[in-house]
């Protein structure tokens, strides 16, 4: 999911990933996002996430391979929230926008989504292996290779 709307100066959208049935994994950032925020990863029920972002445009994307989507969601859950895939958070990730894409902590919203697809898809060429740069939330769909390009379910 990619959100656009009225965000603090310098923020160009927000990205999150559906990581379990009815749950959204995100790094929401916050007022001191530029300097970093400790323990910022969280999982919310989908309904609560939608309520939190109801005033912003949200674009929902999916990849066509549902088995791969489940694999990536499981990876996101076990590498960015709970190592066993449980409901209690036991992975604590600091929020900080930096360009090192292979480092998972610190992290930020769209980098986390990119990493979930890049590392969570195994050896499949799902994402372009971009050089170390910042991954903008609105740029995520363009970082998928053509064979795995997501389609837009809708904009709400």
C-alpha atoms as a PDB file:
ATOM      1  CA  UNK A   1       0.000   0.000   0.000  1.00  0.00           C
ATOM      2  CA  UNK A   2       1.266   3.418  -0.860  1.00  0.00           C
ATOM      3  CA  UNK A   3      -0.169   6.529   0.733  1.00  0.00           C
ATOM      4  CA  UNK A   4       0.047  10.085  -0.516  1.00  0.00           C
ATOM      5  CA  UNK A   5      -1.274  13.100   1.298  1.00  0.00           C
ATOM      6  CA  UNK A   6      -0.416  15.914   3.649  1.00  0.00           C
ATOM      7  CA  UNK A   7       2.735  14.805   5.425  1.00  0.00           C
ATOM      8  CA  UNK A   8       5.379  16.787   7.294  1.00  0.00           C
ATOM      9  CA  UNK A   9       7.862  18.723   5.185  1.00  0.00           C
ATOM     10  CA  UNK A  10      10.256  16.492   3.286  1.00  0.00           C
ATOM     11  CA  UNK A  11       8.166  13.322   3.411  1.00  0.00           C
ATOM     12  CA  UNK A  12       7.047  11.995   0.021  1.00  0.00           C
ATOM     13  CA  UNK A  13       4.388   9.486   0.890  1.00  0.00           C
ATOM     14  CA  UNK A  14       4.246   6.345   2.962  1.00  0.00           C
ATOM     15  CA  UNK A  15       4.407   2.612   2.198  1.00  0.00           C
ATOM     16  CA  UNK A  16       3.301  -0.462   4.137  1.00  0.00           C
ATOM     17  CA  UNK A  17       2.868  -4.166   3.461  1.00  0.00           C
ATOM     18  CA  UNK A  18       0.092  -6.593   4.308  1.00  0.00           C
ATOM     19  CA  UNK A  19       2.090  -9.217   6.209  1.00  0.00           C
ATOM     20  CA  UNK A  20      -0.591 -11.521   7.605  1.00  0.00           C
ATOM     21  CA  UNK A  21      -4.294 -12.057   7.166  1.00  0.00           C
ATOM     22  CA  UNK A  22      -5.794  -8.708   7.996  1.00  0.00           C
ATOM     23  CA  UNK A  23      -2.618  -7.086   9.383  1.00  0.00           C
ATOM     24  CA  UNK A  24      -0.458  -4.296   7.993  1.00  0.00           C
ATOM     25  CA  UNK A  25       3.239  -3.936   8.836  1.00  0.00           C
ATOM     26  CA  UNK A  26       4.664  -0.449   8.699  1.00  0.00           C
ATOM     27  CA  UNK A  27       7.237   1.978   9.975  1.00  0.00           C
ATOM     28  CA  UNK A  28       5.108   5.062  10.583  1.00  0.00           C
ATOM     29  CA  UNK A  29       7.940   7.493  11.256  1.00  0.00           C
ATOM     30  CA  UNK A  30       6.867  10.549  13.214  1.00  0.00           C
ATOM     31  CA  UNK A  31       7.770  14.116  14.117  1.00  0.00           C
ATOM     32  CA  UNK A  32      11.529  13.478  14.515  1.00  0.00           C
ATOM     33  CA  UNK A  33      11.842  11.186  11.487  1.00  0.00           C
ATOM     34  CA  UNK A  34      14.846  13.057  10.079  1.00  0.00           C
ATOM     35  CA  UNK A  35      16.985  12.353  13.163  1.00  0.00           C
ATOM     36  CA  UNK A  36      15.630   8.888  13.806  1.00  0.00           C
ATOM     37  CA  UNK A  37      12.987   7.278  16.000  1.00  0.00           C
ATOM     38  CA  UNK A  38      13.643   4.227  18.159  1.00  0.00           C
ATOM     39  CA  UNK A  39      11.501   1.092  17.985  1.00  0.00           C
ATOM     40  CA  UNK A  40       9.254   2.323  15.155  1.00  0.00           C
ATOM     41  CA  UNK A  41       8.075  -0.853  13.396  1.00  0.00           C
ATOM     42  CA  UNK A  42       4.520  -1.904  14.146  1.00  0.00           C
ATOM     43  CA  UNK A  43       1.708  -4.142  12.996  1.00  0.00           C
ATOM     44  CA  UNK A  44      -1.895  -2.957  12.935  1.00  0.00           C
ATOM     45  CA  UNK A  45      -5.166  -4.603  12.005  1.00  0.00           C
ATOM     46  CA  UNK A  46      -6.021  -3.598   8.432  1.00  0.00           C
ATOM     47  CA  UNK A  47      -9.174  -1.769   9.566  1.00  0.00           C
ATOM     48  CA  UNK A  48      -7.185   0.365  12.044  1.00  0.00           C
ATOM     49  CA  UNK A  49      -4.526   1.142   9.440  1.00  0.00           C
ATOM     50  CA  UNK A  50      -7.216   2.307   7.011  1.00  0.00           C
ATOM     51  CA  UNK A  51      -8.801   4.454   9.736  1.00  0.00           C
ATOM     52  CA  UNK A  52      -5.406   6.049  10.464  1.00  0.00           C
ATOM     53  CA  UNK A  53      -4.957   6.957   6.774  1.00  0.00           C
ATOM     54  CA  UNK A  54      -8.564   7.658   5.784  1.00  0.00           C
ATOM     55  CA  UNK A  55      -7.845  11.318   4.911  1.00  0.00           C
ATOM     56  CA  UNK A  56      -5.016  10.445   2.497  1.00  0.00           C
ATOM     57  CA  UNK A  57      -5.089   8.799  -0.912  1.00  0.00           C
ATOM     58  CA  UNK A  58      -4.063   5.162  -0.644  1.00  0.00           C
ATOM     59  CA  UNK A  59      -3.030   3.111  -3.680  1.00  0.00           C
ATOM     60  CA  UNK A  60      -3.211  -0.641  -3.214  1.00  0.00           C
ATOM     61  CA  UNK A  61      -0.919  -2.813  -5.354  1.00  0.00           C
ATOM     62  CA  UNK A  62      -0.666  -6.599  -5.711  1.00  0.00           C
ATOM     63  CA  UNK A  63       1.591  -8.973  -7.553  1.00  0.00           C
ATOM     64  CA  UNK A  64      -0.183 -11.620  -9.620  1.00  0.00           C
ATOM     65  CA  UNK A  65       1.614 -14.610  -8.071  1.00  0.00           C
ATOM     66  CA  UNK A  66      -0.363 -15.166  -4.854  1.00  0.00           C
ATOM     67  CA  UNK A  67       1.998 -17.894  -3.608  1.00  0.00           C
ATOM     68  CA  UNK A  68       4.937 -15.524  -3.917  1.00  0.00           C
ATOM     69  CA  UNK A  69       2.924 -12.763  -2.247  1.00  0.00           C
ATOM     70  CA  UNK A  70       2.317 -15.062   0.749  1.00  0.00           C
ATOM     71  CA  UNK A  71       6.026 -15.970   0.841  1.00  0.00           C
ATOM     72  CA  UNK A  72       7.038 -12.304   0.866  1.00  0.00           C
ATOM     73  CA  UNK A  73       4.416 -11.504   3.525  1.00  0.00           C
ATOM     74  CA  UNK A  74       5.771 -14.316   5.709  1.00  0.00           C
ATOM     75  CA  UNK A  75       9.306 -12.997   5.227  1.00  0.00           C
ATOM     76  CA  UNK A  76       8.189  -9.494   6.215  1.00  0.00           C
ATOM     77  CA  UNK A  77       6.451 -10.843   9.301  1.00  0.00           C
ATOM     78  CA  UNK A  78       9.395 -12.967  10.500  1.00  0.00           C
ATOM     79  CA  UNK A  79      12.138 -10.450   9.684  1.00  0.00           C
ATOM     80  CA  UNK A  80      10.473  -7.166  10.619  1.00  0.00           C
ATOM     81  CA  UNK A  81       7.956  -7.988  13.389  1.00  0.00           C
ATOM     82  CA  UNK A  82       8.179 -11.402  15.098  1.00  0.00           C
ATOM     83  CA  UNK A  83      10.866 -14.016  14.369  1.00  0.00           C
ATOM     84  CA  UNK A  84       8.329 -16.831  14.775  1.00  0.00           C
ATOM     85  CA  UNK A  85       5.483 -15.140  12.902  1.00  0.00           C
ATOM     86  CA  UNK A  86       3.569 -14.561  16.129  1.00  0.00           C
ATOM     87  CA  UNK A  87       1.347 -11.681  17.161  1.00  0.00           C
ATOM     88  CA  UNK A  88       3.718 -10.276  19.801  1.00  0.00           C
ATOM     89  CA  UNK A  89       6.457  -8.008  18.508  1.00  0.00           C
ATOM     90  CA  UNK A  90       9.976  -9.269  19.283  1.00  0.00           C
ATOM     91  CA  UNK A  91      11.900  -7.406  16.553  1.00  0.00           C
ATOM     92  CA  UNK A  92      12.541  -3.741  17.303  1.00  0.00           C
ATOM     93  CA  UNK A  93      13.636  -1.571  14.389  1.00  0.00           C
ATOM     94  CA  UNK A  94      14.676   2.056  14.564  1.00  0.00           C
ATOM     95  CA  UNK A  95      13.402   4.510  11.974  1.00  0.00           C
ATOM     96  CA  UNK A  96      16.039   6.438  10.043  1.00  0.00           C
ATOM     97  CA  UNK A  97      16.132   7.332   6.367  1.00  0.00           C
ATOM     98  CA  UNK A  98      19.526   6.274   5.021  1.00  0.00           C
ATOM     99  CA  UNK A  99      20.614   4.783   1.721  1.00  0.00           C
ATOM    100  CA  UNK A 100      22.164   1.446   2.736  1.00  0.00           C
ATOM    101  CA  UNK A 101      19.536  -0.951   1.350  1.00  0.00           C
ATOM    102  CA  UNK A 102      21.051  -4.121   2.798  1.00  0.00           C
ATOM    103  CA  UNK A 103      20.861  -2.915   6.403  1.00  0.00           C
ATOM    104  CA  UNK A 104      17.534  -3.743   8.060  1.00  0.00           C
ATOM    105  CA  UNK A 105      18.054  -1.672  11.207  1.00  0.00           C
ATOM    106  CA  UNK A 106      17.675   1.263  10.993  1.00  0.00           C
ATOM    107  CA  UNK A 107      14.983   1.219   8.336  1.00  0.00           C
ATOM    108  CA  UNK A 108      12.049   3.230   6.973  1.00  0.00           C
ATOM    109  CA  UNK A 109       8.684   2.450   5.398  1.00  0.00           C
ATOM    110  CA  UNK A 110       9.442   2.000   1.703  1.00  0.00           C
ATOM    111  CA  UNK A 111      12.876   0.467   2.279  1.00  0.00           C
ATOM    112  CA  UNK A 112      11.219  -2.198   4.451  1.00  0.00           C
ATOM    113  CA  UNK A 113       8.732  -3.027   1.669  1.00  0.00           C
ATOM    114  CA  UNK A 114      11.537  -3.145  -0.940  1.00  0.00           C
ATOM    115  CA  UNK A 115      13.599  -5.438   1.323  1.00  0.00           C
ATOM    116  CA  UNK A 116      10.634  -7.748   1.920  1.00  0.00           C
ATOM    117  CA  UNK A 117      10.225  -8.317  -1.823  1.00  0.00           C
ATOM    118  CA  UNK A 118      13.948  -8.282  -2.670  1.00  0.00           C
ATOM    119  CA  UNK A 119      15.079 -10.712   0.049  1.00  0.00           C
ATOM    120  CA  UNK A 120      11.789 -12.508   0.696  1.00  0.00           C
ATOM    121  CA  UNK A 121      11.377 -13.731  -2.893  1.00  0.00           C
ATOM    122  CA  UNK A 122      14.380 -16.055  -2.699  1.00  0.00           C
ATOM    123  CA  UNK A 123      16.331 -16.218  -5.950  1.00  0.00           C
ATOM    124  CA  UNK A 124      13.506 -14.851  -8.092  1.00  0.00           C
ATOM    125  CA  UNK A 125      14.283 -11.575  -9.865  1.00  0.00           C
ATOM    126  CA  UNK A 126      11.313  -9.711  -8.400  1.00  0.00           C
ATOM    127  CA  UNK A 127      12.945  -6.375  -7.607  1.00  0.00           C
ATOM    128  CA  UNK A 128      15.649  -4.459  -9.357  1.00  0.00           C
ATOM    129  CA  UNK A 129      18.837  -4.518  -7.311  1.00  0.00           C
ATOM    130  CA  UNK A 130      19.245  -0.773  -7.231  1.00  0.00           C
ATOM    131  CA  UNK A 131      22.371   0.953  -6.038  1.00  0.00           C
ATOM    132  CA  UNK A 132      22.356   2.321  -2.543  1.00  0.00           C
ATOM    133  CA  UNK A 133      19.884   5.130  -2.652  1.00  0.00           C
ATOM    134  CA  UNK A 134      16.736   6.117  -0.834  1.00  0.00           C
ATOM    135  CA  UNK A 135      13.620   4.223  -1.954  1.00  0.00           C
ATOM    136  CA  UNK A 136      10.734   6.668  -2.284  1.00  0.00           C
ATOM    137  CA  UNK A 137       7.303   5.230  -1.434  1.00  0.00           C
ATOM    138  CA  UNK A 138       5.763   6.475  -4.674  1.00  0.00           C
ATOM    139  CA  UNK A 139       8.632   4.935  -6.659  1.00  0.00           C
ATOM    140  CA  UNK A 140       8.175   1.379  -5.357  1.00  0.00           C
ATOM    141  CA  UNK A 141       6.001   0.042  -8.226  1.00  0.00           C
ATOM    142  CA  UNK A 142       8.696   1.001 -10.757  1.00  0.00           C
ATOM    143  CA  UNK A 143      11.323  -1.041  -8.873  1.00  0.00           C
ATOM    144  CA  UNK A 144       9.653  -4.366  -9.700  1.00  0.00           C
ATOM    145  CA  UNK A 145      10.982  -6.230 -12.726  1.00  0.00           C
ATOM    146  CA  UNK A 146       8.468  -6.550 -15.617  1.00  0.00           C
ATOM    147  CA  UNK A 147       7.770 -10.247 -14.914  1.00  0.00           C
ATOM    148  CA  UNK A 148       6.602  -9.414 -11.374  1.00  0.00           C
ATOM    149  CA  UNK A 149       5.226  -5.912 -11.882  1.00  0.00           C
ATOM    150  CA  UNK A 150       2.383  -5.211  -9.477  1.00  0.00           C
ATOM    151  CA  UNK A 151      -0.996  -4.061 -10.690  1.00  0.00           C
ATOM    152  CA  UNK A 152      -2.955  -1.341  -9.002  1.00  0.00           C
ATOM    153  CA  UNK A 153      -6.038  -2.785  -7.319  1.00  0.00           C
ATOM    154  CA  UNK A 154      -7.418   0.672  -6.689  1.00  0.00           C
ATOM    155  CA  UNK A 155      -6.907   4.121  -5.290  1.00  0.00           C
ATOM    156  CA  UNK A 156      -9.017   4.975  -2.274  1.00  0.00           C
END
